[in-house]
Amino acid sequence: MTTITFYKTGGIYYGFEEKGHTGFAESGDDILCSALSAMTMLIINAIEVSYASDVEYTIDEETTDIRLIAKSALPKYEEDVSKQYAVSGLIQAYFFQLMDLVEEYYDYLDVREVEREI
């Protein structure tokens, strides 16, 4: 099972952590794992390129665990309000997309959110 924990502070989404393998299918044939990887890379590239913001992320090649922190979603780190909303909104949209996936793949995917200060 893959567990994805989203981080937010004051209701603002600013990051997430993905751990574990979905186990939906064999490695290389796991469409759920592929979807998660594609969506995660979309988030990283959109924040870095489309929104020209820094994003801290690590991808463990052995475990495929991923951790992403986008401080630019938070007023404490980013003055441009439009950029804050764009970055936070993108992460929040990923959360809602995954919540939709949980309805069908609840045996393979767990999505959580926690209030956590940086």
PDB file of N, CA and C in Angstrom:
ATOM      1  N   MET A   1       0.842  -1.179   0.000  1.00  0.00           N
ATOM      2  CA  MET A   1       0.000   0.000   0.000  1.00  0.00           C
ATOM      3  C   MET A   1       0.883   1.238   0.000  1.00  0.00           C
ATOM      4  N   THR A   2       0.462   2.237  -0.751  1.00  0.00           N
ATOM      5  CA  THR A   2       1.134   3.532  -0.735  1.00  0.00           C
ATOM      6  C   THR A   2       0.354   4.457   0.186  1.00  0.00           C
ATOM      7  N   THR A   3       1.075   5.091   1.098  1.00  0.00           N
ATOM      8  CA  THR A   3       0.467   6.083   1.979  1.00  0.00           C
ATOM      9  C   THR A   3       1.011   7.447   1.584  1.00  0.00           C
ATOM     10  N   ILE A   4       0.095   8.380   1.341  1.00  0.00           N
ATOM     11  CA  ILE A   4       0.497   9.739   0.992  1.00  0.00           C
ATOM     12  C   ILE A   4      -0.055  10.664   2.070  1.00  0.00           C
ATOM     13  N   THR A   5       0.860  11.362   2.722  1.00  0.00           N
ATOM     14  CA  THR A   5       0.493  12.292   3.783  1.00  0.00           C
ATOM     15  C   THR A   5       0.745  13.708   3.286  1.00  0.00           C
ATOM     16  N   PHE A   6      -0.300  14.514   3.281  1.00  0.00           N
ATOM     17  CA  PHE A   6      -0.202  15.905   2.851  1.00  0.00           C
ATOM     18  C   PHE A   6       0.013  16.789   4.068  1.00  0.00           C
ATOM     19  N   TYR A   7       0.894  17.774   3.902  1.00  0.00           N
ATOM     20  CA  TYR A   7       1.203  18.725   4.962  1.00  0.00           C
ATOM     21  C   TYR A   7       0.502  20.035   4.665  1.00  0.00           C
ATOM     22  N   LYS A   8      -0.089  20.601   5.713  1.00  0.00           N
ATOM     23  CA  LYS A   8      -0.668  21.929   5.581  1.00  0.00           C
ATOM     24  C   LYS A   8      -0.501  22.663   6.900  1.00  0.00           C
ATOM     25  N   THR A   9      -0.546  23.966   6.806  1.00  0.00           N
ATOM     26  CA  THR A   9      -0.483  24.805   7.992  1.00  0.00           C
ATOM     27  C   THR A   9      -1.481  25.940   7.792  1.00  0.00           C
ATOM     28  N   GLY A  10      -2.311  26.152   8.781  1.00  0.00           N
ATOM     29  CA  GLY A  10      -3.351  27.171   8.648  1.00  0.00           C
ATOM     30  C   GLY A  10      -4.271  26.896   7.472  1.00  0.00           C
ATOM     31  N   GLY A  11      -4.447  25.623   7.131  1.00  0.00           N
ATOM     32  CA  GLY A  11      -5.305  25.247   6.013  1.00  0.00           C
ATOM     33  C   GLY A  11      -4.644  25.342   4.647  1.00  0.00           C
ATOM     34  N   ILE A  12      -3.377  25.741   4.605  1.00  0.00           N
ATOM     35  CA  ILE A  12      -2.657  25.910   3.336  1.00  0.00           C
ATOM     36  C   ILE A  12      -1.791  24.674   3.085  1.00  0.00           C
ATOM     37  N   TYR A  13      -2.030  24.011   1.961  1.00  0.00           N
ATOM     38  CA  TYR A  13      -1.229  22.844   1.584  1.00  0.00           C
ATOM     39  C   TYR A  13       0.135  23.311   1.074  1.00  0.00           C
ATOM     40  N   TYR A  14       1.196  22.671   1.581  1.00  0.00           N
ATOM     41  CA  TYR A  14       2.540  23.063   1.154  1.00  0.00           C
ATOM     42  C   TYR A  14       3.464  21.889   0.856  1.00  0.00           C
ATOM     43  N   GLY A  15       2.981  20.653   1.002  1.00  0.00           N
ATOM     44  CA  GLY A  15       3.853  19.523   0.709  1.00  0.00           C
ATOM     45  C   GLY A  15       3.179  18.194   0.956  1.00  0.00           C
ATOM     46  N   PHE A  16       3.935  17.134   0.678  1.00  0.00           N
ATOM     47  CA  PHE A  16       3.432  15.782   0.906  1.00  0.00           C
ATOM     48  C   PHE A  16       4.582  14.796   0.940  1.00  0.00           C
ATOM     49  N   GLU A  17       4.262  13.604   1.441  1.00  0.00           N
ATOM     50  CA  GLU A  17       5.221  12.516   1.496  1.00  0.00           C
ATOM     51  C   GLU A  17       4.516  11.243   1.035  1.00  0.00           C
ATOM     52  N   GLU A  18       5.156  10.517   0.125  1.00  0.00           N
ATOM     53  CA  GLU A  18       4.613   9.261  -0.398  1.00  0.00           C
ATOM     54  C   GLU A  18       5.527   8.127   0.054  1.00  0.00           C
ATOM     55  N   LYS A  19       4.915   7.081   0.631  1.00  0.00           N
ATOM     56  CA  LYS A  19       5.707   5.943   1.113  1.00  0.00           C
ATOM     57  C   LYS A  19       5.043   4.637   0.708  1.00  0.00           C
ATOM     58  N   GLY A  20       5.870   3.690   0.310  1.00  0.00           N
ATOM     59  CA  GLY A  20       5.406   2.344   0.028  1.00  0.00           C
ATOM     60  C   GLY A  20       4.988   2.115  -1.411  1.00  0.00           C
ATOM     61  N   HIS A  21       4.878   0.850  -1.749  1.00  0.00           N
ATOM     62  CA  HIS A  21       4.437   0.435  -3.079  1.00  0.00           C
ATOM     63  C   HIS A  21       2.949   0.122  -3.037  1.00  0.00           C
ATOM     64  N   THR A  22       2.239   0.442  -4.087  1.00  0.00           N
ATOM     65  CA  THR A  22       0.797   0.210  -4.100  1.00  0.00           C
ATOM     66  C   THR A  22       0.463  -1.275  -4.035  1.00  0.00           C
ATOM     67  N   GLY A  23       1.250  -2.107  -4.727  1.00  0.00           N
ATOM     68  CA  GLY A  23       0.967  -3.538  -4.748  1.00  0.00           C
ATOM     69  C   GLY A  23      -0.211  -3.901  -5.631  1.00  0.00           C
ATOM     70  N   PHE A  24      -0.630  -2.981  -6.476  1.00  0.00           N
ATOM     71  CA  PHE A  24      -1.760  -3.235  -7.374  1.00  0.00           C
ATOM     72  C   PHE A  24      -1.415  -4.282  -8.427  1.00  0.00           C
ATOM     73  N   ALA A  25      -0.160  -4.247  -8.899  1.00  0.00           N
ATOM     74  CA  ALA A  25       0.305  -5.201  -9.915  1.00  0.00           C
ATOM     75  C   ALA A  25       1.821  -5.349  -9.771  1.00  0.00           C
ATOM     76  N   GLU A  26       2.385  -6.239 -10.577  1.00  0.00           N
ATOM     77  CA  GLU A  26       3.831  -6.445 -10.570  1.00  0.00           C
ATOM     78  C   GLU A  26       4.543  -5.157 -10.999  1.00  0.00           C
ATOM     79  N   SER A  27       5.762  -4.995 -10.508  1.00  0.00           N
ATOM     80  CA  SER A  27       6.573  -3.850 -10.888  1.00  0.00           C
ATOM     81  C   SER A  27       6.677  -3.774 -12.410  1.00  0.00           C
ATOM     82  N   GLY A  28       6.461  -2.599 -12.948  1.00  0.00           N
ATOM     83  CA  GLY A  28       6.488  -2.405 -14.394  1.00  0.00           C
ATOM     84  C   GLY A  28       5.115  -2.497 -15.024  1.00  0.00           C
ATOM     85  N   ASP A  29       4.170  -3.146 -14.339  1.00  0.00           N
ATOM     86  CA  ASP A  29       2.799  -3.272 -14.834  1.00  0.00           C
ATOM     87  C   ASP A  29       1.786  -2.591 -13.912  1.00  0.00           C
ATOM     88  N   ASP A  30       2.269  -1.918 -12.891  1.00  0.00           N
ATOM     89  CA  ASP A  30       1.397  -1.317 -11.885  1.00  0.00           C
ATOM     90  C   ASP A  30       0.911   0.053 -12.370  1.00  0.00           C
ATOM     91  N   ILE A  31      -0.297   0.099 -12.910  1.00  0.00           N
ATOM     92  CA  ILE A  31      -0.828   1.352 -13.461  1.00  0.00           C
ATOM     93  C   ILE A  31      -1.093   2.391 -12.378  1.00  0.00           C
ATOM     94  N   LEU A  32      -1.416   1.954 -11.171  1.00  0.00           N
ATOM     95  CA  LEU A  32      -1.652   2.895 -10.077  1.00  0.00           C
ATOM     96  C   LEU A  32      -0.349   3.571  -9.668  1.00  0.00           C
ATOM     97  N   CYS A  33       0.691   2.792  -9.558  1.00  0.00           N
ATOM     98  CA  CYS A  33       2.012   3.342  -9.230  1.00  0.00           C
ATOM     99  C   CYS A  33       2.473   4.306 -10.324  1.00  0.00           C
ATOM    100  N   SER A  34       2.251   3.931 -11.569  1.00  0.00           N
ATOM    101  CA  SER A  34       2.619   4.803 -12.694  1.00  0.00           C
ATOM    102  C   SER A  34       1.857   6.120 -12.649  1.00  0.00           C
ATOM    103  N   ALA A  35       0.577   6.050 -12.317  1.00  0.00           N
ATOM    104  CA  ALA A  35      -0.237   7.268 -12.225  1.00  0.00           C
ATOM    105  C   ALA A  35       0.286   8.179 -11.120  1.00  0.00           C
ATOM    106  N   LEU A  36       0.609   7.604  -9.964  1.00  0.00           N
ATOM    107  CA  LEU A  36       1.139   8.405  -8.861  1.00  0.00           C
ATOM    108  C   LEU A  36       2.455   9.069  -9.242  1.00  0.00           C
ATOM    109  N   SER A  37       3.324   8.316  -9.899  1.00  0.00           N
ATOM    110  CA  SER A  37       4.613   8.871 -10.327  1.00  0.00           C
ATOM    111  C   SER A  37       4.425  10.019 -11.312  1.00  0.00           C
ATOM    112  N   ALA A  38       3.551   9.830 -12.273  1.00  0.00           N
ATOM    113  CA  ALA A  38       3.304  10.872 -13.278  1.00  0.00           C
ATOM    114  C   ALA A  38       2.722  12.129 -12.633  1.00  0.00           C
ATOM    115  N   MET A  39       1.758  11.949 -11.733  1.00  0.00           N
ATOM    116  CA  MET A  39       1.150  13.120 -11.083  1.00  0.00           C
ATOM    117  C   MET A  39       2.149  13.834 -10.190  1.00  0.00           C
ATOM    118  N   THR A  40       2.993  13.087  -9.503  1.00  0.00           N
ATOM    119  CA  THR A  40       3.990  13.699  -8.633  1.00  0.00           C
ATOM    120  C   THR A  40       4.990  14.519  -9.445  1.00  0.00           C
ATOM    121  N   MET A  41       5.441  13.982 -10.559  1.00  0.00           N
ATOM    122  CA  MET A  41       6.386  14.728 -11.401  1.00  0.00           C
ATOM    123  C   MET A  41       5.719  15.953 -12.015  1.00  0.00           C
ATOM    124  N   LEU A  42       4.436  15.868 -12.318  1.00  0.00           N
ATOM    125  CA  LEU A  42       3.696  17.037 -12.803  1.00  0.00           C
ATOM    126  C   LEU A  42       3.720  18.140 -11.756  1.00  0.00           C
ATOM    127  N   ILE A  43       3.493  17.782 -10.497  1.00  0.00           N
ATOM    128  CA  ILE A  43       3.503  18.767  -9.413  1.00  0.00           C
ATOM    129  C   ILE A  43       4.887  19.418  -9.311  1.00  0.00           C
ATOM    130  N   ILE A  44       5.922  18.613  -9.297  1.00  0.00           N
ATOM    131  CA  ILE A  44       7.287  19.135  -9.187  1.00  0.00           C
ATOM    132  C   ILE A  44       7.605  20.068 -10.352  1.00  0.00           C
ATOM    133  N   ASN A  45       7.346  19.633 -11.572  1.00  0.00           N
ATOM    134  CA  ASN A  45       7.665  20.447 -12.745  1.00  0.00           C
ATOM    135  C   ASN A  45       6.822  21.714 -12.817  1.00  0.00           C
ATOM    136  N   ALA A  46       5.559  21.629 -12.461  1.00  0.00           N
ATOM    137  CA  ALA A  46       4.699  22.817 -12.497  1.00  0.00           C
ATOM    138  C   ALA A  46       5.189  23.866 -11.505  1.00  0.00           C
ATOM    139  N   ILE A  47       5.548  23.447 -10.302  1.00  0.00           N
ATOM    140  CA  ILE A  47       6.026  24.404  -9.302  1.00  0.00           C
ATOM    141  C   ILE A  47       7.345  25.023  -9.750  1.00  0.00           C
ATOM    142  N   GLU A  48       8.272  24.181 -10.214  1.00  0.00           N
ATOM    143  CA  GLU A  48       9.598  24.693 -10.619  1.00  0.00           C
ATOM    144  C   GLU A  48       9.547  25.537 -11.886  1.00  0.00           C
ATOM    145  N   VAL A  49       8.852  25.054 -12.898  1.00  0.00           N
ATOM    146  CA  VAL A  49       8.905  25.699 -14.203  1.00  0.00           C
ATOM    147  C   VAL A  49       7.755  26.686 -14.406  1.00  0.00           C
ATOM    148  N   SER A  50       6.534  26.211 -14.283  1.00  0.00           N
ATOM    149  CA  SER A  50       5.381  27.077 -14.560  1.00  0.00           C
ATOM    150  C   SER A  50       5.258  28.215 -13.555  1.00  0.00           C
ATOM    151  N   TYR A  51       5.536  27.936 -12.282  1.00  0.00           N
ATOM    152  CA  TYR A  51       5.391  28.959 -11.249  1.00  0.00           C
ATOM    153  C   TYR A  51       6.728  29.551 -10.810  1.00  0.00           C
ATOM    154  N   ALA A  52       7.817  29.115 -11.430  1.00  0.00           N
ATOM    155  CA  ALA A  52       9.157  29.643 -11.146  1.00  0.00           C
ATOM    156  C   ALA A  52       9.424  29.731  -9.651  1.00  0.00           C
ATOM    157  N   SER A  53       9.129  28.645  -8.959  1.00  0.00           N
ATOM    158  CA  SER A  53       9.308  28.595  -7.509  1.00  0.00           C
ATOM    159  C   SER A  53      10.219  27.439  -7.136  1.00  0.00           C
ATOM    160  N   ASP A  54      10.882  27.613  -6.026  1.00  0.00           N
ATOM    161  CA  ASP A  54      11.718  26.533  -5.508  1.00  0.00           C
ATOM    162  C   ASP A  54      10.838  25.469  -4.879  1.00  0.00           C
ATOM    163  N   VAL A  55      11.215  24.233  -5.071  1.00  0.00           N
ATOM    164  CA  VAL A  55      10.537  23.118  -4.431  1.00  0.00           C
ATOM    165  C   VAL A  55      11.619  22.154  -3.956  1.00  0.00           C
ATOM    166  N   GLU A  56      11.556  21.801  -2.692  1.00  0.00           N
ATOM    167  CA  GLU A  56      12.510  20.839  -2.134  1.00  0.00           C
ATOM    168  C   GLU A  56      11.875  19.460  -2.256  1.00  0.00           C
ATOM    169  N   TYR A  57      12.580  18.541  -2.885  1.00  0.00           N
ATOM    170  CA  TYR A  57      12.036  17.190  -2.974  1.00  0.00           C
ATOM    171  C   TYR A  57      13.156  16.168  -2.978  1.00  0.00           C
ATOM    172  N   THR A  58      12.831  14.999  -2.457  1.00  0.00           N
ATOM    173  CA  THR A  58      13.748  13.869  -2.481  1.00  0.00           C
ATOM    174  C   THR A  58      12.983  12.657  -2.998  1.00  0.00           C
ATOM    175  N   ILE A  59      13.662  11.873  -3.791  1.00  0.00           N
ATOM    176  CA  ILE A  59      13.102  10.629  -4.304  1.00  0.00           C
ATOM    177  C   ILE A  59      14.108   9.533  -3.988  1.00  0.00           C
ATOM    178  N   ASP A  60      13.717   8.601  -3.146  1.00  0.00           N
ATOM    179  CA  ASP A  60      14.571   7.471  -2.792  1.00  0.00           C
ATOM    180  C   ASP A  60      14.423   6.422  -3.888  1.00  0.00           C
ATOM    181  N   GLU A  61      15.465   6.208  -4.655  1.00  0.00           N
ATOM    182  CA  GLU A  61      15.416   5.294  -5.797  1.00  0.00           C
ATOM    183  C   GLU A  61      15.148   3.840  -5.386  1.00  0.00           C
ATOM    184  N   GLU A  62      15.586   3.456  -4.212  1.00  0.00           N
ATOM    185  CA  GLU A  62      15.375   2.076  -3.764  1.00  0.00           C
ATOM    186  C   GLU A  62      13.947   1.836  -3.295  1.00  0.00           C
ATOM    187  N   THR A  63      13.444   2.730  -2.455  1.00  0.00           N
ATOM    188  CA  THR A  63      12.113   2.534  -1.877  1.00  0.00           C
ATOM    189  C   THR A  63      11.026   3.247  -2.671  1.00  0.00           C
ATOM    190  N   THR A  64      11.411   4.171  -3.531  1.00  0.00           N
ATOM    191  CA  THR A  64      10.531   5.081  -4.285  1.00  0.00           C
ATOM    192  C   THR A  64       9.754   6.025  -3.376  1.00  0.00           C
ATOM    193  N   ASP A  65      10.176   6.174  -2.127  1.00  0.00           N
ATOM    194  CA  ASP A  65       9.558   7.150  -1.243  1.00  0.00           C
ATOM    195  C   ASP A  65       9.889   8.549  -1.757  1.00  0.00           C
ATOM    196  N   ILE A  66       8.911   9.435  -1.651  1.00  0.00           N
ATOM    197  CA  ILE A  66       9.069  10.801  -2.152  1.00  0.00           C
ATOM    198  C   ILE A  66       8.634  11.767  -1.061  1.00  0.00           C
ATOM    199  N   ARG A  67       9.379  12.853  -0.933  1.00  0.00           N
ATOM    200  CA  ARG A  67       9.010  13.927  -0.007  1.00  0.00           C
ATOM    201  C   ARG A  67       9.137  15.233  -0.761  1.00  0.00           C
ATOM    202  N   LEU A  68       8.092  16.061  -0.687  1.00  0.00           N
ATOM    203  CA  LEU A  68       8.074  17.337  -1.386  1.00  0.00           C
ATOM    204  C   LEU A  68       7.630  18.430  -0.422  1.00  0.00           C
ATOM    205  N   ILE A  69       8.392  19.526  -0.403  1.00  0.00           N
ATOM    206  CA  ILE A  69       8.043  20.701   0.387  1.00  0.00           C
ATOM    207  C   ILE A  69       8.158  21.918  -0.533  1.00  0.00           C
ATOM    208  N   ALA A  70       7.058  22.675  -0.640  1.00  0.00           N
ATOM    209  CA  ALA A  70       7.038  23.892  -1.456  1.00  0.00           C
ATOM    210  C   ALA A  70       6.735  25.077  -0.542  1.00  0.00           C
ATOM    211  N   LYS A  71       7.789  25.681  -0.023  1.00  0.00           N
ATOM    212  CA  LYS A  71       7.622  26.803   0.906  1.00  0.00           C
ATOM    213  C   LYS A  71       6.934  27.996   0.256  1.00  0.00           C
ATOM    214  N   SER A  72       7.010  28.089  -1.059  1.00  0.00           N
ATOM    215  CA  SER A  72       6.399  29.225  -1.755  1.00  0.00           C
ATOM    216  C   SER A  72       4.872  29.223  -1.654  1.00  0.00           C
ATOM    217  N   ALA A  73       4.288  28.167  -1.132  1.00  0.00           N
ATOM    218  CA  ALA A  73       2.846  28.133  -0.896  1.00  0.00           C
ATOM    219  C   ALA A  73       2.471  28.952   0.339  1.00  0.00           C
ATOM    220  N   LEU A  74       3.459  29.290   1.139  1.00  0.00           N
ATOM    221  CA  LEU A  74       3.196  29.929   2.427  1.00  0.00           C
ATOM    222  C   LEU A  74       3.615  31.402   2.440  1.00  0.00           C
ATOM    223  N   PRO A  75       2.762  32.268   3.006  1.00  0.00           N
ATOM    224  CA  PRO A  75       3.068  33.703   3.055  1.00  0.00           C
ATOM    225  C   PRO A  75       4.383  34.017   3.757  1.00  0.00           C
ATOM    226  N   LYS A  76       4.770  33.180   4.698  1.00  0.00           N
ATOM    227  CA  LYS A  76       6.016  33.386   5.440  1.00  0.00           C
ATOM    228  C   LYS A  76       7.241  33.344   4.525  1.00  0.00           C
ATOM    229  N   TYR A  77       7.132  32.620   3.390  1.00  0.00           N
ATOM    230  CA  TYR A  77       8.275  32.416   2.495  1.00  0.00           C
ATOM    231  C   TYR A  77       8.109  33.052   1.118  1.00  0.00           C
ATOM    232  N   GLU A  78       6.895  33.467   0.776  1.00  0.00           N
ATOM    233  CA  GLU A  78       6.629  34.010  -0.567  1.00  0.00           C
ATOM    234  C   GLU A  78       5.747  35.242  -0.453  1.00  0.00           C
ATOM    235  N   GLU A  79       6.217  36.367  -1.016  1.00  0.00           N
ATOM    236  CA  GLU A  79       5.452  37.615  -0.968  1.00  0.00           C
ATOM    237  C   GLU A  79       4.339  37.662  -2.014  1.00  0.00           C
ATOM    238  N   ASP A  80       4.548  37.036  -3.148  1.00  0.00           N
ATOM    239  CA  ASP A  80       3.584  37.067  -4.249  1.00  0.00           C
ATOM    240  C   ASP A  80       2.378  36.176  -3.912  1.00  0.00           C
ATOM    241  N   VAL A  81       1.247  36.821  -3.615  1.00  0.00           N
ATOM    242  CA  VAL A  81       0.047  36.096  -3.202  1.00  0.00           C
ATOM    243  C   VAL A  81      -0.445  35.173  -4.315  1.00  0.00           C
ATOM    244  N   SER A  82      -0.346  35.610  -5.560  1.00  0.00           N
ATOM    245  CA  SER A  82      -0.777  34.771  -6.683  1.00  0.00           C
ATOM    246  C   SER A  82       0.035  33.481  -6.744  1.00  0.00           C
ATOM    247  N   LYS A  83       1.328  33.606  -6.510  1.00  0.00           N
ATOM    248  CA  LYS A  83       2.190  32.427  -6.517  1.00  0.00           C
ATOM    249  C   LYS A  83       1.854  31.500  -5.346  1.00  0.00           C
ATOM    250  N   GLN A  84       1.587  32.076  -4.178  1.00  0.00           N
ATOM    251  CA  GLN A  84       1.190  31.268  -3.017  1.00  0.00           C
ATOM    252  C   GLN A  84      -0.041  30.424  -3.347  1.00  0.00           C
ATOM    253  N   TYR A  85      -1.073  31.083  -3.880  1.00  0.00           N
ATOM    254  CA  TYR A  85      -2.316  30.384  -4.214  1.00  0.00           C
ATOM    255  C   TYR A  85      -2.106  29.329  -5.294  1.00  0.00           C
ATOM    256  N   ALA A  86      -1.290  29.658  -6.285  1.00  0.00           N
ATOM    257  CA  ALA A  86      -1.054  28.713  -7.381  1.00  0.00           C
ATOM    258  C   ALA A  86      -0.362  27.444  -6.871  1.00  0.00           C
ATOM    259  N   VAL A  87       0.686  27.614  -6.085  1.00  0.00           N
ATOM    260  CA  VAL A  87       1.448  26.469  -5.596  1.00  0.00           C
ATOM    261  C   VAL A  87       0.613  25.650  -4.614  1.00  0.00           C
ATOM    262  N   SER A  88      -0.014  26.311  -3.656  1.00  0.00           N
ATOM    263  CA  SER A  88      -0.854  25.605  -2.690  1.00  0.00           C
ATOM    264  C   SER A  88      -2.037  24.935  -3.383  1.00  0.00           C
ATOM    265  N   GLY A  89      -2.639  25.640  -4.342  1.00  0.00           N
ATOM    266  CA  GLY A  89      -3.778  25.084  -5.073  1.00  0.00           C
ATOM    267  C   GLY A  89      -3.414  23.846  -5.863  1.00  0.00           C
ATOM    268  N   LEU A  90      -2.236  23.832  -6.423  1.00  0.00           N
ATOM    269  CA  LEU A  90      -1.771  22.663  -7.168  1.00  0.00           C
ATOM    270  C   LEU A  90      -1.622  21.448  -6.247  1.00  0.00           C
ATOM    271  N   ILE A  91      -1.037  21.665  -5.090  1.00  0.00           N
ATOM    272  CA  ILE A  91      -0.869  20.569  -4.127  1.00  0.00           C
ATOM    273  C   ILE A  91      -2.233  20.116  -3.604  1.00  0.00           C
ATOM    274  N   GLN A  92      -3.109  21.067  -3.338  1.00  0.00           N
ATOM    275  CA  GLN A  92      -4.453  20.720  -2.881  1.00  0.00           C
ATOM    276  C   GLN A  92      -5.220  19.952  -3.957  1.00  0.00           C
ATOM    277  N   ALA A  93      -5.062  20.333  -5.208  1.00  0.00           N
ATOM    278  CA  ALA A  93      -5.719  19.619  -6.311  1.00  0.00           C
ATOM    279  C   ALA A  93      -5.231  18.166  -6.373  1.00  0.00           C
ATOM    280  N   TYR A  94      -3.947  17.960  -6.134  1.00  0.00           N
ATOM    281  CA  TYR A  94      -3.407  16.598  -6.097  1.00  0.00           C
ATOM    282  C   TYR A  94      -4.064  15.808  -4.964  1.00  0.00           C
ATOM    283  N   PHE A  95      -4.225  16.448  -3.814  1.00  0.00           N
ATOM    284  CA  PHE A  95      -4.900  15.799  -2.683  1.00  0.00           C
ATOM    285  C   PHE A  95      -6.305  15.342  -3.093  1.00  0.00           C
ATOM    286  N   PHE A  96      -7.082  16.227  -3.708  1.00  0.00           N
ATOM    287  CA  PHE A  96      -8.453  15.876  -4.096  1.00  0.00           C
ATOM    288  C   PHE A  96      -8.478  14.796  -5.180  1.00  0.00           C
ATOM    289  N   GLN A  97      -7.527  14.838  -6.101  1.00  0.00           N
ATOM    290  CA  GLN A  97      -7.440  13.802  -7.134  1.00  0.00           C
ATOM    291  C   GLN A  97      -7.180  12.438  -6.498  1.00  0.00           C
ATOM    292  N   LEU A  98      -6.287  12.416  -5.534  1.00  0.00           N
ATOM    293  CA  LEU A  98      -5.983  11.160  -4.854  1.00  0.00           C
ATOM    294  C   LEU A  98      -7.163  10.669  -4.018  1.00  0.00           C
ATOM    295  N   MET A  99      -7.900  11.591  -3.420  1.00  0.00           N
ATOM    296  CA  MET A  99      -9.090  11.188  -2.659  1.00  0.00           C
ATOM    297  C   MET A  99     -10.102  10.498  -3.575  1.00  0.00           C
ATOM    298  N   ASP A 100     -10.201  10.960  -4.817  1.00  0.00           N
ATOM    299  CA  ASP A 100     -11.068  10.284  -5.793  1.00  0.00           C
ATOM    300  C   ASP A 100     -10.546   8.878  -6.092  1.00  0.00           C
ATOM    301  N   LEU A 101      -9.237   8.736  -6.240  1.00  0.00           N
ATOM    302  CA  LEU A 101      -8.643   7.427  -6.512  1.00  0.00           C
ATOM    303  C   LEU A 101      -8.830   6.456  -5.348  1.00  0.00           C
ATOM    304  N   VAL A 102      -8.811   6.964  -4.129  1.00  0.00           N
ATOM    305  CA  VAL A 102      -8.981   6.112  -2.952  1.00  0.00           C
ATOM    306  C   VAL A 102     -10.332   5.395  -2.991  1.00  0.00           C
ATOM    307  N   GLU A 103     -11.338   6.039  -3.544  1.00  0.00           N
ATOM    308  CA  GLU A 103     -12.664   5.418  -3.620  1.00  0.00           C
ATOM    309  C   GLU A 103     -12.625   4.083  -4.360  1.00  0.00           C
ATOM    310  N   GLU A 104     -11.794   3.995  -5.388  1.00  0.00           N
ATOM    311  CA  GLU A 104     -11.703   2.766  -6.173  1.00  0.00           C
ATOM    312  C   GLU A 104     -10.546   1.861  -5.733  1.00  0.00           C
ATOM    313  N   TYR A 105      -9.466   2.463  -5.262  1.00  0.00           N
ATOM    314  CA  TYR A 105      -8.249   1.701  -4.946  1.00  0.00           C
ATOM    315  C   TYR A 105      -7.934   1.731  -3.452  1.00  0.00           C
ATOM    316  N   TYR A 106      -8.936   1.647  -2.611  1.00  0.00           N
ATOM    317  CA  TYR A 106      -8.753   1.762  -1.159  1.00  0.00           C
ATOM    318  C   TYR A 106      -7.866   0.681  -0.563  1.00  0.00           C
ATOM    319  N   ASP A 107      -7.720  -0.456  -1.230  1.00  0.00           N
ATOM    320  CA  ASP A 107      -6.823  -1.503  -0.735  1.00  0.00           C
ATOM    321  C   ASP A 107      -5.355  -1.226  -1.052  1.00  0.00           C
ATOM    322  N   TYR A 108      -5.102  -0.231  -1.894  1.00  0.00           N
ATOM    323  CA  TYR A 108      -3.749   0.021  -2.375  1.00  0.00           C
ATOM    324  C   TYR A 108      -3.235   1.426  -2.068  1.00  0.00           C
ATOM    325  N   LEU A 109      -4.135   2.293  -1.629  1.00  0.00           N
ATOM    326  CA  LEU A 109      -3.792   3.706  -1.488  1.00  0.00           C
ATOM    327  C   LEU A 109      -4.449   4.274  -0.234  1.00  0.00           C
ATOM    328  N   ASP A 110      -3.652   4.989   0.570  1.00  0.00           N
ATOM    329  CA  ASP A 110      -4.151   5.662   1.763  1.00  0.00           C
ATOM    330  C   ASP A 110      -3.695   7.108   1.690  1.00  0.00           C
ATOM    331  N   VAL A 111      -4.629   8.042   1.824  1.00  0.00           N
ATOM    332  CA  VAL A 111      -4.305   9.467   1.735  1.00  0.00           C
ATOM    333  C   VAL A 111      -4.712  10.132   3.043  1.00  0.00           C
ATOM    334  N   ARG A 112      -3.784  10.907   3.594  1.00  0.00           N
ATOM    335  CA  ARG A 112      -4.000  11.591   4.868  1.00  0.00           C
ATOM    336  C   ARG A 112      -3.577  13.044   4.737  1.00  0.00           C
ATOM    337  N   GLU A 113      -4.012  13.853   5.683  1.00  0.00           N
ATOM    338  CA  GLU A 113      -3.529  15.230   5.763  1.00  0.00           C
ATOM    339  C   GLU A 113      -3.260  15.559   7.222  1.00  0.00           C
ATOM    340  N   VAL A 114      -2.210  16.312   7.445  1.00  0.00           N
ATOM    341  CA  VAL A 114      -1.837  16.700   8.807  1.00  0.00           C
ATOM    342  C   VAL A 114      -1.494  18.180   8.834  1.00  0.00           C
ATOM    343  N   GLU A 115      -1.870  18.817   9.929  1.00  0.00           N
ATOM    344  CA  GLU A 115      -1.439  20.198  10.190  1.00  0.00           C
ATOM    345  C   GLU A 115      -0.033  20.111  10.743  1.00  0.00           C
ATOM    346  N   ARG A 116       0.883  20.836  10.116  1.00  0.00           N
ATOM    347  CA  ARG A 116       2.279  20.761  10.542  1.00  0.00           C
ATOM    348  C   ARG A 116       3.004  22.042  10.159  1.00  0.00           C
ATOM    349  N   GLU A 117       3.651  22.648  11.093  1.00  0.00           N
ATOM    350  CA  GLU A 117       4.457  23.861  10.845  1.00  0.00           C
ATOM    351  C   GLU A 117       5.769  23.468  10.201  1.00  0.00           C
ATOM    352  N   ILE A 118       6.282  24.364   9.399  1.00  0.00           N
ATOM    353  CA  ILE A 118       7.627  24.145   8.828  1.00  0.00           C
ATOM    354  C   ILE A 118       8.643  24.669   9.826  1.00  0.00           C
TER     355      ILE A 118
END
